Structures are given as structure tokens and as C-alpha cells.
């Protein structure tokens, strides 16, 4: 049996989910053969999933979204690195109660990429999601050697708001090692940079952006793309409308400018984590995440796991905190049955607070249903 589940956000990490499900299965069948492969789709928890799969955790001091220094991690195995932008520039890096939609910067994410290059990485999986930022990757580019200047020749202020003052962009100083690596932009988001489906409009409000802030950021990012087009040519405009450009506040756009290729985050991570050989060893796959809902069907980890398992001819069930999908939708996604915590405990607040023990009971039911 293979456990390939994502985190229950706010309650359990993907590693903890695997531990609890394993414990519950073994309550039902003490001799059950269980393999755990915690997964992530490129967002927060991606580095932890890589470390659980055997990568080495590396820590480095970088700039947080507001410029204060934080300790961030990336994962390394051989010459492959897994870098998670949320480690440096995620919402969890902001002080409690503080949101900074106009000024939060991705500079620390660029420093993380540079640290991966320093460690000898030749392939970098760049997982993006959970960002505090909407700066189009501008901070990341400057950390890697780009110069973004205002009309007086001074660096523009950090954050998406500062890009309104951008007059010239010079990318000639970018770290030359970037041209020699395979940079993979791993995301479950395929939005463009700007417009009604762009980064500010769709994701700005969850980062604290008011309607006026959204308009300001959208105009600033459109201007940023225009200035970059003048600096590097038509590809800057092409990248702005490309799928994934709007990921994580537009850091996807910056990554595309660096030569990244965009892939669905869960597909990349399943490759990196070694899902294919693991699923061959399994007779049943257990996947899941905190909420199984419509978003799950659009590139989230459980849908990716189920698709890959179905392609390998394996049966899939899912665990979750709450279930908001009909059985027909689950079936189309390749999931035979879902086991929500709310079946055991109807009070959602209790499910969140006591997710671990409740998940063990749910997993014991799966063991009785499928192993006994």
C-alpha cells in the first residue's frame, strides 16, 4: 500500500499525514506493508516532501518578503535541487497580522535559487505557491543580477507597487549559470501575469490587496512587462501571457524570463520523488489533502496522484478533512472513494484541532475496508 498524500493545511504536514495513516492502517492490520511518499504540488511543503523522499535539507539565510533576514531551506540530491519560493517569500514569512500586497518582495527567492546554483545544482525544480508577493518576480531577478531602475537611475522600491516607477531594465548581469541549468517552474496555477485572470485580480485579495491595490498592481505589472519588452524583446510580452506567468504573484513570469519551462507542479514532483517505481510496488494508493473540492480537480496533488496511479492500473482512495465533491466527480478523477474526517467528527473545528487522531481512526476504517 502506498500513501501519497499532501498536507492538511493548517493541521498536518504531508509527512504527518503519512505517519497517521500508517498508524491507522496498522491498527487494522498490524502486518500491513505500507510505503509512504509524502507529496506536494509546488506550494508550501514541497521541500519537506523532497526531504522525506531522501533529498538533503540545506538551509540558508535570505531576505524575507519585507526584507528582514529569515532562515529558508531548499532540498538537494545529486545535482537536482528543489527550491520552494514560499520558504523565502511566503505568507507564513510575514509577521502575524501583517499583509503587504504592494511592498512584499521575492528577493529572497532569488537568493534561494542562487544558493542552489552555489550547491552545484544542474536541474532546479522551482515550486511556486503560497506567496506573500505580487512583484512579478522583480525581486528575484534583482537578487540574481538584474538591474531595475527608475528615471533617476536608482533601484525601484521593493514590491509590485514600486514597479510603477520602473524606467529601464538591464538583464545583462544575470548570473551566467542560469543559462546552463534546467529550470522547471512547478505550479498548479496557469494564470497569465495581468488582466482579469492575472495575478493581482485573482490572488491579490488573499494577500491583503484592496480593489484599488489590485488596480495599482495590475497596471504596475503591465508596465513592468512593457519595460522588459524594450530591454529583451518580444519574448517578454509572450511570457506575460503564457500559462504560469501569474503564478505566486507573477514570480512565474520572472522564472520564464530566466528560461524556465512550465510544468504542472504535481507532475514534476511525482517524477522527482520517484512515484512511478513506488506505485508499481503498491496494490492500493491512498492520496488526499485538507479539502477535496473543485480546486482539487485542477492540478492539485490528489488529482495528479490519482491520474498517475490510474495510468499504472492501481486503485485509489483519498483521505481529507472535508469533502465537497460528489462521488461522480471523484470517480472521474480516478478516486474510488473518499474518507473525510467529518465522517468521524462532524464538528469542523474539532477536526482541525485534532486532525491527527481522527485521521488515524479514518485510516483504520480504510484498513478494514480494503485489507481485512
Protein backbone atom coordinates (compact mmCIF):
# COMPACT_ATOMS: atom_id res chain seq x y z
CA UNK A 1 0.00 0.00 0.00
CA UNK A 2 1.32 3.45 -0.94
CA UNK A 3 0.42 6.64 0.94
CA UNK A 4 0.94 9.61 -1.39
CA UNK A 5 -0.97 12.46 0.23
CA UNK A 6 -0.42 16.19 0.50
CA UNK A 7 -0.66 18.24 3.70
CA UNK A 8 -3.87 19.07 5.55
CA UNK A 9 -3.21 22.80 5.52
CA UNK A 10 -3.27 24.30 9.00
CA UNK A 11 -3.42 20.89 10.68
CA UNK A 12 -0.90 18.31 9.44
CA UNK A 13 2.13 18.30 7.17
CA UNK A 14 2.24 15.71 4.39
CA UNK A 15 4.77 13.74 6.45
CA UNK A 16 2.43 13.77 9.46
CA UNK A 17 -0.49 12.67 7.27
CA UNK A 18 1.56 9.69 6.10
CA UNK A 19 2.53 8.82 9.69
CA UNK A 20 -1.05 8.96 10.95
CA UNK A 21 -2.46 6.97 8.04
CA UNK A 22 0.25 4.32 8.51
CA UNK A 23 -0.58 4.06 12.21
CA UNK A 24 -4.29 3.67 11.48
CA UNK A 25 -3.78 1.02 8.81
CA UNK A 26 -1.60 -0.99 11.18
CA UNK A 27 -4.27 -0.84 13.85
CA UNK A 28 -6.50 -2.73 11.43
CA UNK A 29 -3.77 -4.99 10.03
CA UNK A 30 -0.54 -4.99 12.10
CA UNK A 31 1.38 -6.76 9.33
CA UNK A 32 0.31 -4.36 6.55
CA UNK A 33 3.11 -3.42 4.15
CA UNK A 34 2.95 0.36 3.89
CA UNK A 35 5.18 2.71 1.91
CA UNK A 36 4.94 6.46 2.47
CA UNK A 37 5.71 9.04 -0.20
CA UNK A 38 4.51 12.47 1.02
CA UNK A 39 3.74 14.68 -1.96
CA UNK A 40 3.34 18.38 -2.78
CA UNK A 41 2.29 20.34 -5.84
CA UNK A 42 4.98 23.03 -5.74
CA UNK A 43 3.47 25.15 -2.98
CA UNK A 44 4.39 25.21 0.70
CA UNK A 45 5.55 21.80 1.87
CA UNK A 46 7.41 20.99 -1.34
CA UNK A 47 10.87 20.99 0.25
CA UNK A 48 9.64 18.85 3.14
CA UNK A 49 8.24 16.32 0.67
CA UNK A 50 11.58 16.16 -1.15
CA UNK A 51 13.47 15.69 2.12
CA UNK A 52 11.10 12.88 3.12
CA UNK A 53 11.93 11.22 -0.22
CA UNK A 54 15.66 11.27 0.52
CA UNK A 55 16.85 14.71 -0.51
CA UNK A 56 19.25 16.57 1.78
CA UNK A 57 17.86 19.65 3.51
CA UNK A 58 20.05 22.74 3.05
CA UNK A 59 19.43 25.95 5.00
CA UNK A 60 20.48 29.46 4.06
CA UNK A 61 19.84 32.97 5.36
CA UNK A 62 17.88 35.06 2.85
CA UNK A 63 15.64 38.11 2.74
CA UNK A 64 12.04 37.58 3.79
CA UNK A 65 9.20 39.30 1.92
CA UNK A 66 9.69 42.54 3.87
CA UNK A 67 13.49 42.45 3.70
CA UNK A 68 14.18 41.05 7.16
CA UNK A 69 16.52 38.04 7.20
CA UNK A 70 14.97 34.57 7.56
CA UNK A 71 16.32 31.01 7.51
CA UNK A 72 14.97 29.24 4.44
CA UNK A 73 15.56 25.71 3.15
CA UNK A 74 15.94 24.00 -0.18
CA UNK A 75 16.45 20.32 -0.94
CA UNK A 76 19.35 18.73 -2.84
CA UNK A 77 20.05 15.28 -4.17
CA UNK A 78 22.99 14.88 -6.54
CA UNK A 79 22.75 17.78 -8.97
CA UNK A 80 18.97 18.22 -8.60
CA UNK A 81 17.62 20.90 -6.27
CA UNK A 82 14.06 21.53 -5.14
CA UNK A 83 13.52 25.21 -4.31
CA UNK A 84 10.25 26.39 -2.75
CA UNK A 85 9.62 30.11 -3.12
CA UNK A 86 7.30 30.13 -0.08
CA UNK A 87 10.31 29.25 2.09
CA UNK A 88 11.63 32.76 1.45
CA UNK A 89 8.68 34.79 0.18
CA UNK A 90 5.60 33.03 1.50
CA UNK A 91 2.71 34.41 3.51
CA UNK A 92 3.98 32.49 6.55
CA UNK A 93 7.11 34.67 6.48
CA UNK A 94 5.12 37.82 7.26
CA UNK A 95 4.73 38.95 10.88
CA UNK A 96 1.43 37.88 12.43
CA UNK A 97 -1.43 40.02 11.21
CA UNK A 98 0.70 41.87 8.65
CA UNK A 99 -0.04 41.83 4.92
CA UNK A 100 1.98 43.86 2.42
CA UNK A 101 0.47 43.45 -1.05
CA UNK A 102 2.25 46.46 -2.56
CA UNK A 103 5.69 46.13 -0.97
CA UNK A 104 6.40 42.40 -0.38
CA UNK A 105 9.35 41.24 -2.49
CA UNK A 106 10.63 37.97 -3.95
CA UNK A 107 14.28 38.95 -3.44
CA UNK A 108 14.81 36.07 -1.01
CA UNK A 109 13.51 33.58 -3.57
CA UNK A 110 16.24 34.73 -5.94
CA UNK A 111 18.77 34.25 -3.16
CA UNK A 112 17.48 30.69 -2.66
CA UNK A 113 17.95 29.97 -6.37
CA UNK A 114 21.46 31.36 -6.17
CA UNK A 115 22.19 29.11 -3.18
CA UNK A 116 21.04 26.10 -5.22
CA UNK A 117 23.39 27.14 -8.02
CA UNK A 118 26.22 27.51 -5.49
CA UNK A 119 25.48 23.96 -4.30
CA UNK A 120 26.09 22.63 -7.80
CA UNK A 121 22.53 22.14 -8.99
CA UNK A 122 22.14 21.48 -12.70
CA UNK A 123 18.40 20.87 -12.51
CA UNK A 124 16.28 23.14 -10.32
CA UNK A 125 12.63 22.39 -9.65
CA UNK A 126 11.23 25.78 -8.63
CA UNK A 127 7.99 25.24 -6.75
CA UNK A 128 5.87 28.36 -6.51
CA UNK A 129 2.75 29.00 -4.44
CA UNK A 130 1.67 30.42 -1.11
CA UNK A 131 3.39 33.74 -1.84
CA UNK A 132 3.07 36.98 0.09
CA UNK A 133 4.16 38.84 -3.03
CA UNK A 134 2.81 40.35 -6.25
CA UNK A 135 6.01 41.72 -7.77
CA UNK A 136 6.22 39.71 -10.98
CA UNK A 137 9.45 38.14 -9.78
CA UNK A 138 11.20 41.51 -9.87
CA UNK A 139 12.89 40.99 -6.51
CA UNK A 140 14.04 37.54 -7.59
CA UNK A 141 15.56 38.96 -10.79
CA UNK A 142 17.49 41.65 -8.91
CA UNK A 143 18.84 39.05 -6.46
CA UNK A 144 20.17 37.18 -9.48
CA UNK A 145 21.88 40.21 -11.02
CA UNK A 146 19.24 42.17 -12.94
CA UNK A 147 19.02 45.96 -12.57
CA UNK A 148 15.57 47.56 -12.42
CA UNK A 149 15.94 51.35 -12.28
CA UNK A 150 13.71 54.42 -12.07
CA UNK A 151 14.07 57.59 -14.12
CA UNK A 152 16.86 58.82 -11.82
CA UNK A 153 18.87 55.63 -12.30
CA UNK A 154 18.07 54.39 -8.80
CA UNK A 155 16.72 50.91 -7.98
CA UNK A 156 12.92 50.88 -7.84
CA UNK A 157 11.32 50.27 -4.45
CA UNK A 158 10.64 46.63 -3.49
CA UNK A 159 7.32 45.05 -4.28
CA UNK A 160 4.80 45.27 -7.07
CA UNK A 161 3.84 48.83 -6.23
CA UNK A 162 7.37 50.08 -6.89
CA UNK A 163 7.29 48.78 -10.46
CA UNK A 164 5.10 51.76 -11.46
CA UNK A 165 8.31 53.82 -11.31
CA UNK A 166 10.35 51.44 -13.46
CA UNK A 167 12.09 53.24 -16.33
CA UNK A 168 14.80 50.85 -17.51
CA UNK A 169 15.64 47.17 -17.07
CA UNK A 170 19.03 45.57 -17.62
CA UNK A 171 19.19 41.78 -17.50
CA UNK A 172 22.74 41.52 -18.85
CA UNK A 173 24.10 40.98 -15.33
CA UNK A 174 22.04 37.89 -14.58
CA UNK A 175 24.03 35.01 -13.10
CA UNK A 176 25.52 33.23 -16.14
CA UNK A 177 24.99 29.82 -14.51
CA UNK A 178 21.26 30.23 -15.15
CA UNK A 179 21.87 29.60 -18.84
CA UNK A 180 23.36 26.20 -18.03
CA UNK A 181 20.66 24.76 -15.74
CA UNK A 182 17.34 23.11 -16.42
CA UNK A 183 14.97 25.38 -14.50
CA UNK A 184 11.48 23.90 -14.11
CA UNK A 185 8.66 26.16 -12.99
CA UNK A 186 6.41 23.86 -10.95
CA UNK A 187 2.96 25.24 -10.21
CA UNK A 188 -0.70 24.28 -10.12
CA UNK A 189 -1.62 27.75 -11.44
CA UNK A 190 -1.79 28.57 -15.15
CA UNK A 191 -2.90 32.21 -14.95
CA UNK A 192 -1.28 34.94 -17.08
CA UNK A 193 0.54 37.86 -15.47
CA UNK A 194 -2.14 40.56 -15.75
CA UNK A 195 -5.77 41.14 -16.69
CA UNK A 196 -8.99 39.71 -15.24
CA UNK A 197 -7.38 36.29 -14.74
CA UNK A 198 -3.97 37.68 -13.82
CA UNK A 199 -2.03 37.51 -10.58
CA UNK A 200 -3.32 40.75 -8.96
CA UNK A 201 -7.00 40.23 -9.81
CA UNK A 202 -7.23 36.55 -8.86
CA UNK A 203 -4.76 36.22 -5.99
CA UNK A 204 -4.13 39.79 -4.79
CA UNK A 205 -7.09 39.94 -2.39
CA UNK A 206 -5.89 36.92 -0.40
CA UNK A 207 -2.62 38.81 0.13
CA UNK A 208 -4.44 41.83 1.52
CA UNK A 209 -4.89 43.82 -1.69
CA UNK A 210 -7.88 46.16 -1.77
CA UNK A 211 -9.68 46.81 -5.10
CA UNK A 212 -7.54 49.94 -5.52
CA UNK A 213 -4.40 47.92 -4.73
CA UNK A 214 -5.39 45.32 -7.33
CA UNK A 215 -5.74 48.04 -9.97
CA UNK A 216 -2.41 49.57 -8.95
CA UNK A 217 -0.62 46.21 -9.08
CA UNK A 218 -2.16 45.20 -12.39
CA UNK A 219 -1.08 48.49 -14.01
CA UNK A 220 2.39 48.25 -12.46
CA UNK A 221 2.94 44.69 -13.70
CA UNK A 222 1.71 45.57 -17.19
CA UNK A 223 4.17 48.49 -17.21
CA UNK A 224 6.93 46.19 -15.94
CA UNK A 225 6.31 43.79 -18.83
CA UNK A 226 6.44 46.69 -21.31
CA UNK A 227 9.78 47.93 -19.96
CA UNK A 228 11.17 44.38 -20.06
CA UNK A 229 9.95 44.03 -23.65
CA UNK A 230 12.03 47.09 -24.54
CA UNK A 231 15.01 45.52 -22.78
CA UNK A 232 14.90 41.91 -24.02
CA UNK A 233 12.49 41.89 -26.96
CA UNK A 234 9.15 40.27 -27.81
CA UNK A 235 9.67 37.22 -25.61
CA UNK A 236 8.94 39.41 -22.57
CA UNK A 237 5.43 40.08 -23.88
CA UNK A 238 4.95 36.44 -24.86
CA UNK A 239 5.94 35.27 -21.39
CA UNK A 240 3.48 37.70 -19.76
CA UNK A 241 0.53 35.96 -21.41
CA UNK A 242 1.94 32.43 -21.06
CA UNK A 243 0.37 29.87 -18.70
CA UNK A 244 2.03 30.06 -15.30
CA UNK A 245 3.21 33.67 -15.64
CA UNK A 246 0.77 34.73 -12.94
CA UNK A 247 1.78 32.00 -10.50
CA UNK A 248 2.72 33.16 -6.99
CA UNK A 249 2.19 36.85 -7.60
CA UNK A 250 3.83 36.75 -11.01
CA UNK A 251 7.07 35.12 -9.96
CA UNK A 252 6.22 32.65 -12.72
CA UNK A 253 6.78 35.48 -15.19
CA UNK A 254 10.22 36.17 -13.76
CA UNK A 255 11.08 32.48 -13.92
CA UNK A 256 10.00 32.28 -17.57
CA UNK A 257 12.29 35.24 -18.31
CA UNK A 258 15.11 33.18 -16.77
CA UNK A 259 14.40 30.40 -19.27
CA UNK A 260 12.25 28.17 -17.08
CA UNK A 261 9.85 25.66 -18.60
CA UNK A 262 6.43 25.44 -17.03
CA UNK A 263 5.05 22.09 -15.84
CA UNK A 264 2.17 21.14 -13.58
CA UNK A 265 3.65 21.09 -10.10
CA UNK A 266 2.35 17.69 -9.04
CA UNK A 267 3.61 16.05 -12.25
CA UNK A 268 7.10 17.43 -11.68
CA UNK A 269 7.12 16.42 -8.05
CA UNK A 270 5.93 12.86 -8.75
CA UNK A 271 8.85 12.50 -11.16
CA UNK A 272 11.35 13.96 -8.69
CA UNK A 273 10.05 11.94 -5.73
CA UNK A 274 10.10 8.59 -7.55
CA UNK A 275 6.37 7.93 -7.68
CA UNK A 276 6.47 5.60 -10.71
CA UNK A 277 8.53 2.80 -9.11
CA UNK A 278 6.70 3.23 -5.79
CA UNK A 279 3.27 2.84 -7.36
CA UNK A 280 4.40 -0.33 -9.15
CA UNK A 281 5.08 -1.88 -5.74
CA UNK A 282 1.61 -0.96 -4.42
CA UNK A 283 -1.77 -2.64 -4.69
CA UNK A 284 -3.69 0.37 -3.33
CA UNK A 285 -2.82 4.09 -3.29
CA UNK A 286 -4.05 6.46 -0.60
CA UNK A 287 -3.89 10.14 -1.52
CA UNK A 288 -5.54 13.23 -0.08
CA UNK A 289 -5.36 16.80 1.20
CA UNK A 290 -7.21 19.01 3.65
CA UNK A 291 -10.16 19.78 1.39
CA UNK A 292 -11.26 17.72 -1.59
CA UNK A 293 -13.19 20.23 -3.70
CA UNK A 294 -13.39 21.69 -7.19
CA UNK A 295 -9.87 23.13 -6.87
CA UNK A 296 -8.55 19.60 -6.30
CA UNK A 297 -9.57 18.68 -9.83
CA UNK A 298 -7.47 21.47 -11.36
CA UNK A 299 -3.89 20.39 -10.83
CA UNK A 300 -3.82 19.77 -7.09
CA UNK A 301 -1.79 16.88 -5.67
CA UNK A 302 -4.57 14.27 -5.15
CA UNK A 303 -5.79 14.62 -8.75
CA UNK A 304 -2.24 14.22 -10.05
CA UNK A 305 -1.59 11.19 -7.86
CA UNK A 306 -4.89 9.60 -8.87
CA UNK A 307 -4.22 10.16 -12.58
CA UNK A 308 -0.75 8.63 -12.35
CA UNK A 309 -1.98 5.71 -10.26
CA UNK A 310 -4.86 5.03 -12.64
CA UNK A 311 -2.42 5.04 -15.57
CA UNK A 312 -0.49 2.35 -13.69
CA UNK A 313 -3.67 0.32 -13.18
CA UNK A 314 -3.85 0.91 -9.42
CA UNK A 315 -6.90 1.64 -7.28
CA UNK A 316 -7.00 4.93 -5.37
CA UNK A 317 -8.83 6.12 -2.27
CA UNK A 318 -8.49 9.51 -0.62
CA UNK A 319 -8.43 10.96 2.87
CA UNK A 320 -9.40 14.57 3.53
CA UNK A 321 -10.58 16.96 6.19
CA UNK A 322 -13.73 17.91 4.32
CA UNK A 323 -15.30 16.51 1.16
CA UNK A 324 -17.05 18.81 -1.31
CA UNK A 325 -17.06 16.57 -4.37
CA UNK A 326 -19.82 14.23 -5.49
CA UNK A 327 -18.97 10.54 -5.99
CA UNK A 328 -19.25 11.03 -9.76
CA UNK A 329 -16.61 13.77 -9.74
CA UNK A 330 -14.33 11.63 -7.58
CA UNK A 331 -14.77 8.75 -9.99
CA UNK A 332 -13.88 10.89 -12.99
CA UNK A 333 -10.71 11.94 -11.15
CA UNK A 334 -9.78 8.30 -10.61
CA UNK A 335 -10.63 8.18 -6.90
CA UNK A 336 -12.81 5.22 -5.93
CA UNK A 337 -13.84 6.57 -2.54
CA UNK A 338 -13.04 9.45 -0.20
CA UNK A 339 -12.84 9.28 3.58
CA UNK A 340 -13.35 12.73 5.18
CA UNK A 341 -12.56 13.39 8.82
CA UNK A 342 -16.04 14.86 9.15
CA UNK A 343 -17.46 11.33 8.85
CA UNK A 344 -15.79 10.60 12.20
CA UNK A 345 -16.26 14.04 13.77
CA UNK A 346 -18.94 16.39 12.36
CA UNK A 347 -17.50 19.47 14.14
CA UNK A 348 -15.06 21.01 11.67
CA UNK A 349 -13.25 22.95 14.38
CA UNK A 350 -12.55 19.71 16.25
CA UNK A 351 -11.37 18.08 13.02
CA UNK A 352 -8.85 20.88 12.52
CA UNK A 353 -7.66 20.84 16.14
CA UNK A 354 -7.47 17.05 16.50
CA UNK A 355 -6.77 16.06 12.89
CA UNK A 356 -4.08 13.51 13.74
CA UNK A 357 -6.03 11.14 16.00
CA UNK A 358 -9.16 11.43 13.84
CA UNK A 359 -7.16 10.64 10.72
CA UNK A 360 -5.81 7.51 12.42
CA UNK A 361 -9.38 6.34 13.01
CA UNK A 362 -10.27 7.07 9.38
CA UNK A 363 -7.22 5.10 8.19
CA UNK A 364 -8.22 2.18 10.42
CA UNK A 365 -11.54 2.11 8.54
CA UNK A 366 -9.67 2.05 5.22
CA UNK A 367 -7.61 -0.86 6.53
CA UNK A 368 -10.75 -2.79 7.48
CA UNK A 369 -12.42 -1.96 4.14
CA UNK A 370 -9.51 -2.89 1.90
CA UNK A 371 -7.04 -5.07 3.81
CA UNK A 372 -9.09 -7.32 6.10
